[in-house]
Amino acid sequence: MSANVSRSANSERTYAVKRADLPVSCPAPDMPLWNSHPRVYLPLEDQPEARCMYCGALYQRVD
């Protein structure tokens, strides 16, 4: 996704994440924080998936 495009925060329930994208935070850097929750980092280095404790979004490592 282009760095100039902003995604809506918490608009999806599941996100696919590549190992190259680690570390992963929710909401992602290209999502505005003003209409979401505090940024939290998810431990996907050691496990295949993690769920955000604030919004419940599921982040799954795909490689």
C-alpha atoms as a PDB file:
ATOM      1  CA  MET A   1       0.000   0.000   0.000  1.00  0.00           C
ATOM      2  CA  SER A   2       1.238   3.462  -0.833  1.00  0.00           C
ATOM      3  CA  ALA A   3       2.553   5.590   2.018  1.00  0.00           C
ATOM      4  CA  ASN A   4       0.362   8.463   0.796  1.00  0.00           C
ATOM      5  CA  VAL A   5      -2.881   6.521   1.252  1.00  0.00           C
ATOM      6  CA  SER A   6      -4.473   6.308   4.673  1.00  0.00           C
ATOM      7  CA  ARG A   7      -6.645   3.333   5.663  1.00  0.00           C
ATOM      8  CA  SER A   8      -9.496   3.694   8.090  1.00  0.00           C
ATOM      9  CA  ALA A   9      -8.570   2.471  11.546  1.00  0.00           C
ATOM     10  CA  ASN A  10     -10.246  -0.749  12.658  1.00  0.00           C
ATOM     11  CA  SER A  11     -12.116  -1.098   9.341  1.00  0.00           C
ATOM     12  CA  GLU A  12     -11.201  -4.763   8.915  1.00  0.00           C
ATOM     13  CA  ARG A  13     -11.354  -7.644  11.374  1.00  0.00           C
ATOM     14  CA  THR A  14      -8.445  -9.704   9.979  1.00  0.00           C
ATOM     15  CA  TYR A  15      -5.103  -8.512   8.625  1.00  0.00           C
ATOM     16  CA  ALA A  16      -2.490 -10.622   6.796  1.00  0.00           C
ATOM     17  CA  VAL A  17       1.050  -9.686   7.801  1.00  0.00           C
ATOM     18  CA  LYS A  18       4.320 -10.657   6.131  1.00  0.00           C
ATOM     19  CA  ARG A  19       7.463 -11.239   8.169  1.00  0.00           C
ATOM     20  CA  ALA A  20       9.030  -8.276   6.347  1.00  0.00           C
ATOM     21  CA  ASP A  21       6.327  -6.025   7.879  1.00  0.00           C
ATOM     22  CA  LEU A  22       7.330  -6.808  11.481  1.00  0.00           C
ATOM     23  CA  PRO A  23       7.057  -5.270  14.024  1.00  0.00           C
ATOM     24  CA  VAL A  24       3.286  -4.842  13.663  1.00  0.00           C
ATOM     25  CA  SER A  25       1.151  -2.351  15.540  1.00  0.00           C
ATOM     26  CA  CYS A  26      -2.573  -1.811  15.777  1.00  0.00           C
ATOM     27  CA  PRO A  27      -3.696   0.531  14.430  1.00  0.00           C
ATOM     28  CA  ALA A  28      -1.132   0.388  11.614  1.00  0.00           C
ATOM     29  CA  PRO A  29       1.062   3.432  10.916  1.00  0.00           C
ATOM     30  CA  ASP A  30      -1.050   4.308   7.862  1.00  0.00           C
ATOM     31  CA  MET A  31      -4.222   4.488   9.990  1.00  0.00           C
ATOM     32  CA  PRO A  32      -5.147   7.664  11.856  1.00  0.00           C
ATOM     33  CA  LEU A  33      -4.996   7.378  15.650  1.00  0.00           C
ATOM     34  CA  TRP A  34      -7.498  10.149  16.319  1.00  0.00           C
ATOM     35  CA  ASN A  35     -10.496   7.868  15.712  1.00  0.00           C
ATOM     36  CA  SER A  36      -9.102   4.651  17.123  1.00  0.00           C
ATOM     37  CA  HIS A  37      -7.323   3.378  20.210  1.00  0.00           C
ATOM     38  CA  PRO A  38      -3.771   3.750  21.556  1.00  0.00           C
ATOM     39  CA  ARG A  39      -1.145   2.072  19.385  1.00  0.00           C
ATOM     40  CA  VAL A  40      -0.095  -1.361  20.641  1.00  0.00           C
ATOM     41  CA  TYR A  41       2.556  -3.677  19.216  1.00  0.00           C
ATOM     42  CA  LEU A  42       1.617  -7.295  18.574  1.00  0.00           C
ATOM     43  CA  PRO A  43       4.030 -10.223  19.217  1.00  0.00           C
ATOM     44  CA  LEU A  44       4.016 -11.839  15.758  1.00  0.00           C
ATOM     45  CA  GLU A  45       7.734 -12.642  15.715  1.00  0.00           C
ATOM     46  CA  ASP A  46       7.210 -15.765  17.846  1.00  0.00           C
ATOM     47  CA  GLN A  47       3.625 -16.783  17.078  1.00  0.00           C
ATOM     48  CA  PRO A  48       1.527 -17.100  13.895  1.00  0.00           C
ATOM     49  CA  GLU A  49      -1.284 -14.777  15.000  1.00  0.00           C
ATOM     50  CA  ALA A  50      -2.197 -12.178  17.593  1.00  0.00           C
ATOM     51  CA  ARG A  51      -5.360 -10.294  18.493  1.00  0.00           C
ATOM     52  CA  CYS A  52      -5.486  -6.602  19.400  1.00  0.00           C
ATOM     53  CA  MET A  53      -6.598  -6.199  23.001  1.00  0.00           C
ATOM     54  CA  TYR A  54      -8.505  -2.993  22.193  1.00  0.00           C
ATOM     55  CA  CYS A  55     -10.462  -3.641  19.006  1.00  0.00           C
ATOM     56  CA  GLY A  56     -10.205  -7.412  18.623  1.00  0.00           C
ATOM     57  CA  ALA A  57      -8.662  -7.279  15.134  1.00  0.00           C
ATOM     58  CA  LEU A  58      -6.812 -10.482  14.267  1.00  0.00           C
ATOM     59  CA  TYR A  59      -3.332 -10.193  12.744  1.00  0.00           C
ATOM     60  CA  GLN A  60      -2.054 -13.356  11.013  1.00  0.00           C
ATOM     61  CA  ARG A  61       1.518 -13.897   9.831  1.00  0.00           C
ATOM     62  CA  VAL A  62       1.381 -15.359   6.318  1.00  0.00           C
ATOM     63  CA  ASP A  63       5.025 -16.307   5.736  1.00  0.00           C
END
